[in-house]
Amino acid sequence: TKKILRKISTKAIESGLLIRPIGHTIYFMPPYIINHDEIDFMIDTTLEVIQSSI
């Protein structure tokens, strides 16, 4: 629902992750230059945010 997507988006931003939820899809907005640690952070944070929002 829109309420859950809003919650996910807000928590992601608070956690330092920029995402763009559109419909049932979450678009990542990583920098053009990214390393493995940043990718791990992006994935781990996304999972945590989604799990804590549903």
N, C-alpha and C. Protein backbone atom coordinates (compact mmCIF):
# COMPACT_ATOMS: atom_id res chain seq x y z
N THR A 1 0.83 -1.19 0.00
CA THR A 1 0.00 0.00 0.00
C THR A 1 0.87 1.25 0.00
N LYS A 2 0.25 2.38 -0.27
CA LYS A 2 0.98 3.64 -0.30
C LYS A 2 1.55 3.99 1.07
N LYS A 3 0.81 3.63 2.12
CA LYS A 3 1.26 3.92 3.48
C LYS A 3 2.55 3.17 3.80
N ILE A 4 2.62 1.91 3.40
CA ILE A 4 3.83 1.11 3.64
C ILE A 4 4.99 1.65 2.82
N LEU A 5 4.74 2.00 1.55
CA LEU A 5 5.81 2.56 0.71
C LEU A 5 6.35 3.86 1.29
N ARG A 6 5.47 4.69 1.81
CA ARG A 6 5.89 5.95 2.43
C ARG A 6 6.76 5.67 3.65
N LYS A 7 6.36 4.67 4.43
CA LYS A 7 7.12 4.30 5.62
C LYS A 7 8.51 3.76 5.23
N ILE A 8 8.55 2.91 4.21
CA ILE A 8 9.82 2.36 3.73
C ILE A 8 10.73 3.49 3.24
N SER A 9 10.18 4.39 2.46
CA SER A 9 10.96 5.50 1.91
C SER A 9 11.52 6.39 3.02
N THR A 10 10.70 6.71 4.00
CA THR A 10 11.13 7.55 5.11
C THR A 10 12.24 6.88 5.91
N LYS A 11 12.06 5.60 6.24
CA LYS A 11 13.07 4.87 7.01
C LYS A 11 14.37 4.73 6.23
N ALA A 12 14.26 4.53 4.94
CA ALA A 12 15.46 4.41 4.10
C ALA A 12 16.26 5.70 4.13
N ILE A 13 15.59 6.82 3.96
CA ILE A 13 16.28 8.11 3.98
C ILE A 13 16.91 8.36 5.34
N GLU A 14 16.20 8.03 6.42
CA GLU A 14 16.75 8.19 7.77
C GLU A 14 17.98 7.31 7.97
N SER A 15 18.06 6.20 7.24
CA SER A 15 19.19 5.27 7.36
C SER A 15 20.32 5.61 6.38
N GLY A 16 20.14 6.66 5.59
CA GLY A 16 21.18 7.08 4.66
C GLY A 16 21.10 6.44 3.29
N LEU A 17 19.94 5.91 2.94
CA LEU A 17 19.76 5.23 1.67
C LEU A 17 18.76 5.99 0.81
N LEU A 18 19.15 6.32 -0.41
CA LEU A 18 18.24 7.01 -1.33
C LEU A 18 17.58 5.98 -2.23
N ILE A 19 16.27 5.89 -2.11
CA ILE A 19 15.49 5.00 -2.97
C ILE A 19 14.34 5.79 -3.55
N ARG A 20 13.73 5.22 -4.55
CA ARG A 20 12.59 5.88 -5.20
C ARG A 20 11.49 4.84 -5.39
N PRO A 21 10.54 4.76 -4.47
CA PRO A 21 9.45 3.80 -4.63
C PRO A 21 8.42 4.30 -5.63
N ILE A 22 8.17 3.50 -6.65
CA ILE A 22 7.16 3.83 -7.65
C ILE A 22 6.29 2.60 -7.83
N GLY A 23 5.02 2.71 -7.45
CA GLY A 23 4.13 1.55 -7.54
C GLY A 23 4.63 0.44 -6.64
N HIS A 24 4.80 -0.74 -7.21
CA HIS A 24 5.27 -1.90 -6.45
C HIS A 24 6.76 -2.13 -6.64
N THR A 25 7.48 -1.12 -7.11
CA THR A 25 8.90 -1.25 -7.41
C THR A 25 9.69 -0.23 -6.61
N ILE A 26 10.85 -0.66 -6.10
CA ILE A 26 11.76 0.26 -5.43
C ILE A 26 12.97 0.43 -6.33
N TYR A 27 13.22 1.66 -6.75
CA TYR A 27 14.38 1.97 -7.57
C TYR A 27 15.51 2.46 -6.67
N PHE A 28 16.69 1.92 -6.87
CA PHE A 28 17.86 2.38 -6.13
C PHE A 28 18.46 3.57 -6.85
N MET A 29 19.04 4.47 -6.09
CA MET A 29 19.67 5.65 -6.66
C MET A 29 21.11 5.75 -6.14
N PRO A 30 21.96 4.77 -6.50
CA PRO A 30 23.34 4.77 -6.00
C PRO A 30 24.19 5.79 -6.76
N PRO A 31 25.34 6.14 -6.20
CA PRO A 31 26.26 7.02 -6.94
C PRO A 31 26.82 6.28 -8.15
N TYR A 32 27.36 7.02 -9.10
CA TYR A 32 27.93 6.40 -10.29
C TYR A 32 29.17 5.57 -9.96
N ILE A 33 29.91 5.99 -8.95
CA ILE A 33 31.07 5.23 -8.51
C ILE A 33 30.72 4.65 -7.15
N ILE A 34 30.73 3.32 -7.05
CA ILE A 34 30.30 2.64 -5.83
C ILE A 34 31.21 1.45 -5.58
N ASN A 35 31.50 1.17 -4.30
CA ASN A 35 32.36 0.03 -3.99
C ASN A 35 31.53 -1.09 -3.35
N HIS A 36 32.17 -2.21 -3.09
CA HIS A 36 31.45 -3.38 -2.57
C HIS A 36 30.82 -3.12 -1.20
N ASP A 37 31.52 -2.38 -0.34
CA ASP A 37 30.96 -2.08 0.98
C ASP A 37 29.68 -1.25 0.86
N GLU A 38 29.66 -0.32 -0.07
CA GLU A 38 28.48 0.51 -0.27
C GLU A 38 27.32 -0.30 -0.85
N ILE A 39 27.63 -1.24 -1.72
CA ILE A 39 26.58 -2.13 -2.26
C ILE A 39 26.01 -2.99 -1.14
N ASP A 40 26.90 -3.54 -0.29
CA ASP A 40 26.43 -4.33 0.85
C ASP A 40 25.54 -3.49 1.76
N PHE A 41 25.95 -2.25 2.03
CA PHE A 41 25.15 -1.35 2.86
C PHE A 41 23.77 -1.13 2.23
N MET A 42 23.75 -0.90 0.93
CA MET A 42 22.51 -0.65 0.22
C MET A 42 21.55 -1.83 0.35
N ILE A 43 22.05 -3.04 0.12
CA ILE A 43 21.21 -4.24 0.18
C ILE A 43 20.78 -4.53 1.61
N ASP A 44 21.73 -4.50 2.55
CA ASP A 44 21.41 -4.80 3.95
C ASP A 44 20.40 -3.80 4.51
N THR A 45 20.61 -2.52 4.24
CA THR A 45 19.70 -1.49 4.73
C THR A 45 18.31 -1.64 4.13
N THR A 46 18.26 -1.96 2.85
CA THR A 46 16.96 -2.16 2.19
C THR A 46 16.19 -3.29 2.85
N LEU A 47 16.86 -4.40 3.09
CA LEU A 47 16.20 -5.53 3.75
C LEU A 47 15.71 -5.16 5.14
N GLU A 48 16.55 -4.47 5.92
CA GLU A 48 16.16 -4.07 7.27
C GLU A 48 14.95 -3.12 7.24
N VAL A 49 14.99 -2.16 6.33
CA VAL A 49 13.91 -1.18 6.24
C VAL A 49 12.59 -1.85 5.85
N ILE A 50 12.64 -2.73 4.87
CA ILE A 50 11.42 -3.42 4.43
C ILE A 50 10.88 -4.30 5.55
N GLN A 51 11.76 -5.08 6.19
CA GLN A 51 11.31 -5.98 7.26
C GLN A 51 10.71 -5.21 8.43
N SER A 52 11.26 -4.07 8.75
CA SER A 52 10.74 -3.31 9.89
C SER A 52 9.49 -2.50 9.53
N SER A 53 9.16 -2.44 8.25
CA SER A 53 8.01 -1.64 7.81
C SER A 53 6.76 -2.47 7.55
N ILE A 54 6.91 -3.77 7.45
CA ILE A 54 5.73 -4.60 7.17
C ILE A 54 5.30 -5.39 8.38
